[in-house]
Amino acid sequence: MPEIYDQVGGPDGMRAAVTVFYNRVVADEELSRWFEGVDLERLKAHQRAFLAAAFGGPQLFSGRSLHDAHAGLEITDAAFDRIVMTLLTSLADLGVPNDAVVGVGERLERARGDIVGAEG
């Protein structure tokens, strides 16, 4: 099976997916609060590198661990679920094959414990 990175469309697909994803996140009243005051262009570049590495593409990511990057943000399970669904919907809307979208969801679910830090 091809790597998810290739199924997403390589670097161009990753750029489109991250752009669509963050446009939706900052427009979402329930999610946008976590991104207030954040340099979105920097975050998008960081996210592209992280997702590329996580999905079998180039290993260019050199940032903090998921746990360290999300520590203190008080992210809830509900917010995690909503942001994952936003990403999966963004990928599907861009024409990423369903098996790749499912694979992304499975990989993100394994990261839940490193990202969620609040009850509710």
C-alpha atoms as a PDB file:
ATOM      1  CA  MET A   1       0.000   0.000   0.000  1.00  0.00           C
ATOM      2  CA  PRO A   2       1.355   3.448  -0.843  1.00  0.00           C
ATOM      3  CA  GLU A   3       2.325   5.710   2.002  1.00  0.00           C
ATOM      4  CA  ILE A   4      -0.407   8.075   3.172  1.00  0.00           C
ATOM      5  CA  TYR A   5       1.878  10.976   2.203  1.00  0.00           C
ATOM      6  CA  ASP A   6       1.741   9.886  -1.438  1.00  0.00           C
ATOM      7  CA  GLN A   7      -2.014   9.309  -1.293  1.00  0.00           C
ATOM      8  CA  VAL A   8      -2.506  12.828   0.042  1.00  0.00           C
ATOM      9  CA  GLY A   9      -0.607  14.127  -2.988  1.00  0.00           C
ATOM     10  CA  GLY A  10       2.946  14.627  -1.770  1.00  0.00           C
ATOM     11  CA  PRO A  11       4.140  18.147  -0.980  1.00  0.00           C
ATOM     12  CA  ASP A  12       1.456  19.914  -3.039  1.00  0.00           C
ATOM     13  CA  GLY A  13      -1.319  17.834  -1.517  1.00  0.00           C
ATOM     14  CA  MET A  14       0.084  18.371   1.960  1.00  0.00           C
ATOM     15  CA  ARG A  15       0.192  22.149   1.400  1.00  0.00           C
ATOM     16  CA  ALA A  16      -3.424  22.180   0.170  1.00  0.00           C
ATOM     17  CA  ALA A  17      -4.625  19.956   3.010  1.00  0.00           C
ATOM     18  CA  VAL A  18      -2.967  22.052   5.716  1.00  0.00           C
ATOM     19  CA  THR A  19      -4.277  25.295   4.182  1.00  0.00           C
ATOM     20  CA  VAL A  20      -7.851  24.030   3.939  1.00  0.00           C
ATOM     21  CA  PHE A  21      -7.626  22.521   7.415  1.00  0.00           C
ATOM     22  CA  TYR A  22      -6.439  25.700   9.147  1.00  0.00           C
ATOM     23  CA  ASN A  23      -8.896  27.875   7.243  1.00  0.00           C
ATOM     24  CA  ARG A  24     -11.656  25.711   8.670  1.00  0.00           C
ATOM     25  CA  VAL A  25     -10.178  25.546  12.166  1.00  0.00           C
ATOM     26  CA  VAL A  26      -9.840  29.315  12.600  1.00  0.00           C
ATOM     27  CA  ALA A  27     -13.397  29.770  11.302  1.00  0.00           C
ATOM     28  CA  ASP A  28     -14.757  27.248  13.823  1.00  0.00           C
ATOM     29  CA  GLU A  29     -16.019  29.006  16.957  1.00  0.00           C
ATOM     30  CA  GLU A  30     -15.291  25.941  19.096  1.00  0.00           C
ATOM     31  CA  LEU A  31     -11.702  25.514  17.906  1.00  0.00           C
ATOM     32  CA  SER A  32     -10.456  28.986  17.041  1.00  0.00           C
ATOM     33  CA  ARG A  33      -9.672  29.947  20.638  1.00  0.00           C
ATOM     34  CA  TRP A  34      -6.680  27.592  20.673  1.00  0.00           C
ATOM     35  CA  PHE A  35      -5.191  29.503  17.732  1.00  0.00           C
ATOM     36  CA  GLU A  36      -5.663  33.100  18.839  1.00  0.00           C
ATOM     37  CA  GLY A  37      -2.395  34.995  18.699  1.00  0.00           C
ATOM     38  CA  VAL A  38      -0.623  32.118  16.935  1.00  0.00           C
ATOM     39  CA  ASP A  39       1.554  32.776  13.889  1.00  0.00           C
ATOM     40  CA  LEU A  40      -0.507  30.677  11.476  1.00  0.00           C
ATOM     41  CA  GLU A  41       2.025  30.752   8.632  1.00  0.00           C
ATOM     42  CA  ARG A  42       4.680  29.369  10.949  1.00  0.00           C
ATOM     43  CA  LEU A  43       2.245  26.822  12.350  1.00  0.00           C
ATOM     44  CA  LYS A  44       1.209  25.707   8.848  1.00  0.00           C
ATOM     45  CA  ALA A  45       4.841  25.134   7.854  1.00  0.00           C
ATOM     46  CA  HIS A  46       5.427  23.225  11.081  1.00  0.00           C
ATOM     47  CA  GLN A  47       2.269  21.160  10.536  1.00  0.00           C
ATOM     48  CA  ARG A  48       3.227  20.312   6.938  1.00  0.00           C
ATOM     49  CA  ALA A  49       6.603  18.994   8.117  1.00  0.00           C
ATOM     50  CA  PHE A  50       5.042  17.065  11.005  1.00  0.00           C
ATOM     51  CA  LEU A  51       2.305  15.485   8.893  1.00  0.00           C
ATOM     52  CA  ALA A  52       4.694  14.651   6.058  1.00  0.00           C
ATOM     53  CA  ALA A  53       6.911  12.739   8.485  1.00  0.00           C
ATOM     54  CA  ALA A  54       3.945  11.108  10.230  1.00  0.00           C
ATOM     55  CA  PHE A  55       2.425   9.984   6.929  1.00  0.00           C
ATOM     56  CA  GLY A  56       5.549   8.411   5.452  1.00  0.00           C
ATOM     57  CA  GLY A  57       6.995  11.368   3.558  1.00  0.00           C
ATOM     58  CA  PRO A  58      10.226  13.290   4.067  1.00  0.00           C
ATOM     59  CA  GLN A  59      11.487  13.284   7.640  1.00  0.00           C
ATOM     60  CA  LEU A  60      12.017  17.036   7.983  1.00  0.00           C
ATOM     61  CA  PHE A  61      10.193  17.529  11.288  1.00  0.00           C
ATOM     62  CA  SER A  62      12.432  18.663  14.138  1.00  0.00           C
ATOM     63  CA  GLY A  63       9.950  20.248  16.519  1.00  0.00           C
ATOM     64  CA  ARG A  64       8.918  19.432  20.047  1.00  0.00           C
ATOM     65  CA  SER A  65       7.152  16.198  20.892  1.00  0.00           C
ATOM     66  CA  LEU A  66       3.364  16.170  20.597  1.00  0.00           C
ATOM     67  CA  HIS A  67       3.088  16.050  24.369  1.00  0.00           C
ATOM     68  CA  ASP A  68       5.402  19.031  24.893  1.00  0.00           C
ATOM     69  CA  ALA A  69       3.815  21.075  22.087  1.00  0.00           C
ATOM     70  CA  HIS A  70       0.330  20.669  23.560  1.00  0.00           C
ATOM     71  CA  ALA A  71       1.183  20.799  27.284  1.00  0.00           C
ATOM     72  CA  GLY A  72      -0.822  23.413  29.143  1.00  0.00           C
ATOM     73  CA  LEU A  73      -3.265  24.033  26.301  1.00  0.00           C
ATOM     74  CA  GLU A  74      -6.074  22.225  28.140  1.00  0.00           C
ATOM     75  CA  ILE A  75      -7.280  20.464  24.999  1.00  0.00           C
ATOM     76  CA  THR A  76     -10.355  18.355  25.669  1.00  0.00           C
ATOM     77  CA  ASP A  77     -11.393  15.070  24.093  1.00  0.00           C
ATOM     78  CA  ALA A  78     -14.251  16.901  22.384  1.00  0.00           C
ATOM     79  CA  ALA A  79     -11.867  19.465  20.863  1.00  0.00           C
ATOM     80  CA  PHE A  80      -9.494  16.690  19.779  1.00  0.00           C
ATOM     81  CA  ASP A  81     -12.380  14.839  18.115  1.00  0.00           C
ATOM     82  CA  ARG A  82     -13.544  18.014  16.384  1.00  0.00           C
ATOM     83  CA  ILE A  83     -10.123  18.932  15.051  1.00  0.00           C
ATOM     84  CA  VAL A  84      -9.464  15.390  13.818  1.00  0.00           C
ATOM     85  CA  MET A  85     -12.833  15.391  12.054  1.00  0.00           C
ATOM     86  CA  THR A  86     -11.994  18.761  10.509  1.00  0.00           C
ATOM     87  CA  LEU A  87      -8.738  17.368   9.131  1.00  0.00           C
ATOM     88  CA  LEU A  88     -10.349  14.173   7.858  1.00  0.00           C
ATOM     89  CA  THR A  89     -13.149  16.126   6.182  1.00  0.00           C
ATOM     90  CA  SER A  90     -10.595  18.486   4.635  1.00  0.00           C
ATOM     91  CA  LEU A  91      -8.667  15.534   3.197  1.00  0.00           C
ATOM     92  CA  ALA A  92     -11.820  13.880   1.859  1.00  0.00           C
ATOM     93  CA  ASP A  93     -12.992  17.151   0.306  1.00  0.00           C
ATOM     94  CA  LEU A  94      -9.633  17.409  -1.482  1.00  0.00           C
ATOM     95  CA  GLY A  95     -10.160  13.979  -3.024  1.00  0.00           C
ATOM     96  CA  VAL A  96      -7.791  11.961  -0.832  1.00  0.00           C
ATOM     97  CA  PRO A  97      -8.728   8.275  -1.113  1.00  0.00           C
ATOM     98  CA  ASN A  98     -10.944   6.983   1.690  1.00  0.00           C
ATOM     99  CA  ASP A  99      -8.420   4.374   2.851  1.00  0.00           C
ATOM    100  CA  ALA A 100      -5.844   7.139   3.320  1.00  0.00           C
ATOM    101  CA  VAL A 101      -8.349   9.287   5.241  1.00  0.00           C
ATOM    102  CA  VAL A 102      -9.107   6.310   7.504  1.00  0.00           C
ATOM    103  CA  GLY A 103      -5.364   5.750   7.981  1.00  0.00           C
ATOM    104  CA  VAL A 104      -4.870   9.367   9.007  1.00  0.00           C
ATOM    105  CA  GLY A 105      -7.680   9.035  11.542  1.00  0.00           C
ATOM    106  CA  GLU A 106      -6.115   5.894  12.991  1.00  0.00           C
ATOM    107  CA  ARG A 107      -2.709   7.542  13.333  1.00  0.00           C
ATOM    108  CA  LEU A 108      -4.187  10.611  14.980  1.00  0.00           C
ATOM    109  CA  GLU A 109      -6.187   8.506  17.418  1.00  0.00           C
ATOM    110  CA  ARG A 110      -2.944   6.950  18.640  1.00  0.00           C
ATOM    111  CA  ALA A 111      -1.720  10.472  19.486  1.00  0.00           C
ATOM    112  CA  ARG A 112      -4.757  11.361  21.629  1.00  0.00           C
ATOM    113  CA  GLY A 113      -2.956  10.752  24.929  1.00  0.00           C
ATOM    114  CA  ASP A 114      -0.146  13.138  23.977  1.00  0.00           C
ATOM    115  CA  ILE A 115      -2.504  15.952  22.951  1.00  0.00           C
ATOM    116  CA  VAL A 116      -5.532  15.858  25.261  1.00  0.00           C
ATOM    117  CA  GLY A 117      -4.795  17.482  28.587  1.00  0.00           C
ATOM    118  CA  ALA A 118      -8.157  18.512  30.023  1.00  0.00           C
ATOM    119  CA  GLU A 119     -11.328  16.853  31.177  1.00  0.00           C
ATOM    120  CA  GLY A 120     -14.588  17.564  29.439  1.00  0.00           C
END
